[in-house]
Amino acid sequence: MKKQCIVRTFPANYTNPTAKLREALNQGWIVVFSTPFECGDGKKGTEYILEREED
């Protein structure tokens, strides 16, 4: 069965802006969709929908 999760990355001035995404990709998740979102102060991050096969 396939499972999905959502991970967000943030602009470079945030602490560990891509840590969650890198962690998920290292665990076998793959990106199936991404879209920008507003972080505030006119900055944008990216929201990723990830998917992987699970037993």
C-alpha atoms as a PDB file:
ATOM      1  CA  MET A   1       0.000   0.000   0.000  1.00  0.00           C
ATOM      2  CA  LYS A   2       1.284   3.490  -0.821  1.00  0.00           C
ATOM      3  CA  LYS A   3       1.509   6.095   1.920  1.00  0.00           C
ATOM      4  CA  GLN A   4       1.859   9.831   1.494  1.00  0.00           C
ATOM      5  CA  CYS A   5       3.167  12.624   3.684  1.00  0.00           C
ATOM      6  CA  ILE A   6       3.706  16.360   3.368  1.00  0.00           C
ATOM      7  CA  VAL A   7       7.041  18.079   4.041  1.00  0.00           C
ATOM      8  CA  ARG A   8       7.813  21.787   3.831  1.00  0.00           C
ATOM      9  CA  THR A   9      11.116  23.484   3.086  1.00  0.00           C
ATOM     10  CA  PHE A  10      11.794  27.093   3.986  1.00  0.00           C
ATOM     11  CA  PRO A  11      13.958  29.989   2.744  1.00  0.00           C
ATOM     12  CA  ALA A  12      17.693  29.837   3.502  1.00  0.00           C
ATOM     13  CA  ASN A  13      17.501  32.218   6.465  1.00  0.00           C
ATOM     14  CA  TYR A  14      15.461  29.660   8.477  1.00  0.00           C
ATOM     15  CA  THR A  15      17.204  27.131  10.736  1.00  0.00           C
ATOM     16  CA  ASN A  16      17.695  23.818   8.882  1.00  0.00           C
ATOM     17  CA  PRO A  17      15.480  24.854   5.936  1.00  0.00           C
ATOM     18  CA  THR A  18      15.664  21.507   4.084  1.00  0.00           C
ATOM     19  CA  ALA A  19      16.457  19.043   6.898  1.00  0.00           C
ATOM     20  CA  LYS A  20      13.013  17.372   6.945  1.00  0.00           C
ATOM     21  CA  LEU A  21      13.006  16.869   3.183  1.00  0.00           C
ATOM     22  CA  ARG A  22      16.528  15.392   3.144  1.00  0.00           C
ATOM     23  CA  GLU A  23      15.604  13.066   6.012  1.00  0.00           C
ATOM     24  CA  ALA A  24      12.468  11.836   4.234  1.00  0.00           C
ATOM     25  CA  LEU A  25      14.293  11.269   0.930  1.00  0.00           C
ATOM     26  CA  ASN A  26      16.981   9.291   2.756  1.00  0.00           C
ATOM     27  CA  GLN A  27      14.203   7.098   4.195  1.00  0.00           C
ATOM     28  CA  GLY A  28      12.960   6.158   0.725  1.00  0.00           C
ATOM     29  CA  TRP A  29      10.209   8.730   0.166  1.00  0.00           C
ATOM     30  CA  ILE A  30       9.888  10.165  -3.353  1.00  0.00           C
ATOM     31  CA  VAL A  31       8.485  13.558  -4.384  1.00  0.00           C
ATOM     32  CA  VAL A  32       5.242  13.307  -6.369  1.00  0.00           C
ATOM     33  CA  PHE A  33       4.169  16.971  -6.262  1.00  0.00           C
ATOM     34  CA  SER A  34       5.433  20.336  -5.024  1.00  0.00           C
ATOM     35  CA  THR A  35       3.928  23.782  -4.675  1.00  0.00           C
ATOM     36  CA  PRO A  36       5.100  27.110  -3.210  1.00  0.00           C
ATOM     37  CA  PHE A  37       3.557  28.585  -0.069  1.00  0.00           C
ATOM     38  CA  GLU A  38       3.884  31.926   1.737  1.00  0.00           C
ATOM     39  CA  CYS A  39       6.139  31.906   4.817  1.00  0.00           C
ATOM     40  CA  GLY A  40       5.417  35.523   5.689  1.00  0.00           C
ATOM     41  CA  ASP A  41       7.397  38.713   5.088  1.00  0.00           C
ATOM     42  CA  GLY A  42       7.087  38.065   1.348  1.00  0.00           C
ATOM     43  CA  LYS A  43       9.176  34.894   1.515  1.00  0.00           C
ATOM     44  CA  LYS A  44       8.158  31.595  -0.040  1.00  0.00           C
ATOM     45  CA  GLY A  45       8.868  28.031   0.882  1.00  0.00           C
ATOM     46  CA  THR A  46       7.960  24.835  -0.928  1.00  0.00           C
ATOM     47  CA  GLU A  47       5.506  22.176   0.193  1.00  0.00           C
ATOM     48  CA  TYR A  48       6.196  18.648  -1.080  1.00  0.00           C
ATOM     49  CA  ILE A  49       3.864  15.676  -1.245  1.00  0.00           C
ATOM     50  CA  LEU A  50       5.952  12.545  -0.786  1.00  0.00           C
ATOM     51  CA  GLU A  51       5.015   8.925  -1.363  1.00  0.00           C
ATOM     52  CA  ARG A  52       6.444   5.466  -0.676  1.00  0.00           C
ATOM     53  CA  GLU A  53       5.354   1.871  -0.715  1.00  0.00           C
ATOM     54  CA  GLU A  54       4.718   0.285   2.692  1.00  0.00           C
ATOM     55  CA  ASP A  55       3.701  -3.216   3.690  1.00  0.00           C
END
